[in-house]
């Protein structure tokens, strides 16, 4: 399992890079963000982005899982921000179908 940055709680699930076309909208703002390839688990994701986001910021996330082509639509909350590096986001509003699709994608990448 990956380790969280120093001083932050450990992750409960492994994360994998398993999707493309991520769109991130900071709710209540209209700024577009340049996003580099992140990693994902069924509970959340880490997104490489140089922009600072406060803990608790709510984000609208949309992306397509690479292997299955399943489109995921979710809301996430920033749990921590490593300024200049990226943000750890926990899904707070995601359908059971989207969560199952992510779990299936991660299982396929692990070879399980």
C-alpha atoms as a PDB file:
ATOM      1  CA  UNK A   1       0.000   0.000   0.000  1.00  0.00           C
ATOM      2  CA  UNK A   2       1.241   3.517  -0.767  1.00  0.00           C
ATOM      3  CA  UNK A   3       2.263   5.722   2.111  1.00  0.00           C
ATOM      4  CA  UNK A   4       0.606   9.072   2.679  1.00  0.00           C
ATOM      5  CA  UNK A   5       2.825  12.145   2.957  1.00  0.00           C
ATOM      6  CA  UNK A   6       4.352  12.710   6.380  1.00  0.00           C
ATOM      7  CA  UNK A   7       1.809  13.880   8.942  1.00  0.00           C
ATOM      8  CA  UNK A   8      -1.184  12.659   6.922  1.00  0.00           C
ATOM      9  CA  UNK A   9      -3.290   9.554   7.564  1.00  0.00           C
ATOM     10  CA  UNK A  10      -2.351   6.394   5.635  1.00  0.00           C
ATOM     11  CA  UNK A  11      -4.394   5.207   2.691  1.00  0.00           C
ATOM     12  CA  UNK A  12      -6.815   2.346   3.223  1.00  0.00           C
ATOM     13  CA  UNK A  13      -6.668   1.116  -0.385  1.00  0.00           C
ATOM     14  CA  UNK A  14      -4.022   0.966  -3.104  1.00  0.00           C
ATOM     15  CA  UNK A  15      -4.265   3.494  -5.929  1.00  0.00           C
ATOM     16  CA  UNK A  16      -3.599   3.006  -9.626  1.00  0.00           C
ATOM     17  CA  UNK A  17      -3.517   5.201 -12.723  1.00  0.00           C
ATOM     18  CA  UNK A  18      -6.599   3.898 -14.510  1.00  0.00           C
ATOM     19  CA  UNK A  19      -8.375   6.716 -16.280  1.00  0.00           C
ATOM     20  CA  UNK A  20      -8.149   9.550 -18.791  1.00  0.00           C
ATOM     21  CA  UNK A  21      -9.894  12.794 -19.628  1.00  0.00           C
ATOM     22  CA  UNK A  22     -10.197  14.101 -16.063  1.00  0.00           C
ATOM     23  CA  UNK A  23     -12.189  17.303 -15.734  1.00  0.00           C
ATOM     24  CA  UNK A  24     -11.993  19.145 -12.425  1.00  0.00           C
ATOM     25  CA  UNK A  25     -14.347  21.974 -11.466  1.00  0.00           C
ATOM     26  CA  UNK A  26     -13.871  23.770  -8.147  1.00  0.00           C
ATOM     27  CA  UNK A  27     -17.468  24.363  -7.078  1.00  0.00           C
ATOM     28  CA  UNK A  28     -18.264  28.046  -6.894  1.00  0.00           C
ATOM     29  CA  UNK A  29     -15.337  28.998  -9.174  1.00  0.00           C
ATOM     30  CA  UNK A  30     -14.919  29.162 -12.962  1.00  0.00           C
ATOM     31  CA  UNK A  31     -11.164  28.609 -13.297  1.00  0.00           C
ATOM     32  CA  UNK A  32      -9.891  25.787 -15.546  1.00  0.00           C
ATOM     33  CA  UNK A  33      -7.029  23.655 -14.268  1.00  0.00           C
ATOM     34  CA  UNK A  34      -4.093  21.937 -15.947  1.00  0.00           C
ATOM     35  CA  UNK A  35      -4.054  18.376 -14.610  1.00  0.00           C
ATOM     36  CA  UNK A  36      -1.354  15.699 -14.872  1.00  0.00           C
ATOM     37  CA  UNK A  37      -1.947  11.955 -14.706  1.00  0.00           C
ATOM     38  CA  UNK A  38      -3.358  11.074 -11.265  1.00  0.00           C
ATOM     39  CA  UNK A  39      -3.936   7.803  -9.428  1.00  0.00           C
ATOM     40  CA  UNK A  40      -7.223   6.400  -8.158  1.00  0.00           C
ATOM     41  CA  UNK A  41      -8.884   3.992  -5.748  1.00  0.00           C
ATOM     42  CA  UNK A  42     -12.549   3.248  -5.095  1.00  0.00           C
ATOM     43  CA  UNK A  43     -12.535   5.817  -2.259  1.00  0.00           C
ATOM     44  CA  UNK A  44     -10.621   8.678  -3.825  1.00  0.00           C
ATOM     45  CA  UNK A  45      -7.683   9.884  -5.858  1.00  0.00           C
ATOM     46  CA  UNK A  46      -4.511  11.916  -5.847  1.00  0.00           C
ATOM     47  CA  UNK A  47      -4.404  14.593  -8.535  1.00  0.00           C
ATOM     48  CA  UNK A  48      -1.106  16.170  -9.574  1.00  0.00           C
ATOM     49  CA  UNK A  49      -1.909  19.871  -9.823  1.00  0.00           C
ATOM     50  CA  UNK A  50       0.211  22.874  -8.816  1.00  0.00           C
ATOM     51  CA  UNK A  51      -2.796  24.927  -7.659  1.00  0.00           C
ATOM     52  CA  UNK A  52      -3.486  25.307  -3.938  1.00  0.00           C
ATOM     53  CA  UNK A  53      -6.885  24.020  -2.741  1.00  0.00           C
ATOM     54  CA  UNK A  54      -7.984  24.366   0.884  1.00  0.00           C
ATOM     55  CA  UNK A  55      -8.893  21.247   2.851  1.00  0.00           C
ATOM     56  CA  UNK A  56     -12.630  20.699   2.516  1.00  0.00           C
ATOM     57  CA  UNK A  57     -12.886  22.265  -0.960  1.00  0.00           C
ATOM     58  CA  UNK A  58     -15.575  20.458  -2.986  1.00  0.00           C
ATOM     59  CA  UNK A  59     -14.704  19.431  -6.546  1.00  0.00           C
ATOM     60  CA  UNK A  60     -16.830  18.089  -9.370  1.00  0.00           C
ATOM     61  CA  UNK A  61     -14.892  15.302 -11.096  1.00  0.00           C
ATOM     62  CA  UNK A  62     -15.537  13.616 -14.425  1.00  0.00           C
ATOM     63  CA  UNK A  63     -13.285  11.046 -16.098  1.00  0.00           C
ATOM     64  CA  UNK A  64     -13.304   7.899 -18.222  1.00  0.00           C
ATOM     65  CA  UNK A  65     -11.868   4.622 -16.988  1.00  0.00           C
ATOM     66  CA  UNK A  66      -9.174   3.490 -19.414  1.00  0.00           C
ATOM     67  CA  UNK A  67      -9.921  -0.224 -19.798  1.00  0.00           C
ATOM     68  CA  UNK A  68     -13.725  -0.282 -19.628  1.00  0.00           C
ATOM     69  CA  UNK A  69     -14.473   3.150 -21.101  1.00  0.00           C
ATOM     70  CA  UNK A  70     -16.932   3.748 -18.229  1.00  0.00           C
ATOM     71  CA  UNK A  71     -17.619   7.464 -17.628  1.00  0.00           C
ATOM     72  CA  UNK A  72     -17.468   8.414 -13.940  1.00  0.00           C
ATOM     73  CA  UNK A  73     -19.163  11.494 -12.467  1.00  0.00           C
ATOM     74  CA  UNK A  74     -18.440  12.255  -8.819  1.00  0.00           C
ATOM     75  CA  UNK A  75     -18.031  14.971  -6.232  1.00  0.00           C
ATOM     76  CA  UNK A  76     -14.944  14.901  -4.093  1.00  0.00           C
ATOM     77  CA  UNK A  77     -13.618  16.754  -1.094  1.00  0.00           C
ATOM     78  CA  UNK A  78      -9.992  17.815  -0.732  1.00  0.00           C
ATOM     79  CA  UNK A  79      -8.526  15.985   2.267  1.00  0.00           C
ATOM     80  CA  UNK A  80      -4.997  17.394   1.936  1.00  0.00           C
ATOM     81  CA  UNK A  81      -3.017  19.653  -0.378  1.00  0.00           C
ATOM     82  CA  UNK A  82       0.705  19.459  -1.094  1.00  0.00           C
ATOM     83  CA  UNK A  83       1.135  22.908  -2.626  1.00  0.00           C
ATOM     84  CA  UNK A  84       2.924  22.735  -5.956  1.00  0.00           C
ATOM     85  CA  UNK A  85       2.498  18.927  -6.074  1.00  0.00           C
ATOM     86  CA  UNK A  86      -1.164  17.945  -5.840  1.00  0.00           C
ATOM     87  CA  UNK A  87      -4.260  17.148  -3.809  1.00  0.00           C
ATOM     88  CA  UNK A  88      -5.683  14.089  -2.092  1.00  0.00           C
ATOM     89  CA  UNK A  89      -9.415  13.870  -2.816  1.00  0.00           C
ATOM     90  CA  UNK A  90     -12.004  11.617  -1.172  1.00  0.00           C
ATOM     91  CA  UNK A  91     -15.170  10.819  -3.122  1.00  0.00           C
ATOM     92  CA  UNK A  92     -18.159  12.138  -1.152  1.00  0.00           C
ATOM     93  CA  UNK A  93     -20.877  11.712  -3.778  1.00  0.00           C
ATOM     94  CA  UNK A  94     -20.421   8.857  -6.239  1.00  0.00           C
ATOM     95  CA  UNK A  95     -22.924   6.327  -7.535  1.00  0.00           C
ATOM     96  CA  UNK A  96     -22.557   2.669  -6.541  1.00  0.00           C
ATOM     97  CA  UNK A  97     -22.198   1.829 -10.255  1.00  0.00           C
ATOM     98  CA  UNK A  98     -19.300   4.261 -10.688  1.00  0.00           C
ATOM     99  CA  UNK A  99     -17.621   3.003  -7.527  1.00  0.00           C
ATOM    100  CA  UNK A 100     -17.966  -0.632  -8.686  1.00  0.00           C
ATOM    101  CA  UNK A 101     -16.552   0.301 -12.097  1.00  0.00           C
ATOM    102  CA  UNK A 102     -13.493   1.867 -10.423  1.00  0.00           C
ATOM    103  CA  UNK A 103     -13.031  -1.230  -8.231  1.00  0.00           C
ATOM    104  CA  UNK A 104     -13.199  -3.427 -11.337  1.00  0.00           C
ATOM    105  CA  UNK A 105     -10.647  -1.270 -13.143  1.00  0.00           C
ATOM    106  CA  UNK A 106      -8.234  -1.397 -10.210  1.00  0.00           C
ATOM    107  CA  UNK A 107      -8.667  -5.194  -9.904  1.00  0.00           C
ATOM    108  CA  UNK A 108      -7.896  -5.569 -13.620  1.00  0.00           C
ATOM    109  CA  UNK A 109      -4.749  -3.465 -13.286  1.00  0.00           C
ATOM    110  CA  UNK A 110      -3.584  -5.530 -10.306  1.00  0.00           C
ATOM    111  CA  UNK A 111      -4.197  -8.708 -12.302  1.00  0.00           C
ATOM    112  CA  UNK A 112      -6.697 -10.079  -9.767  1.00  0.00           C
END
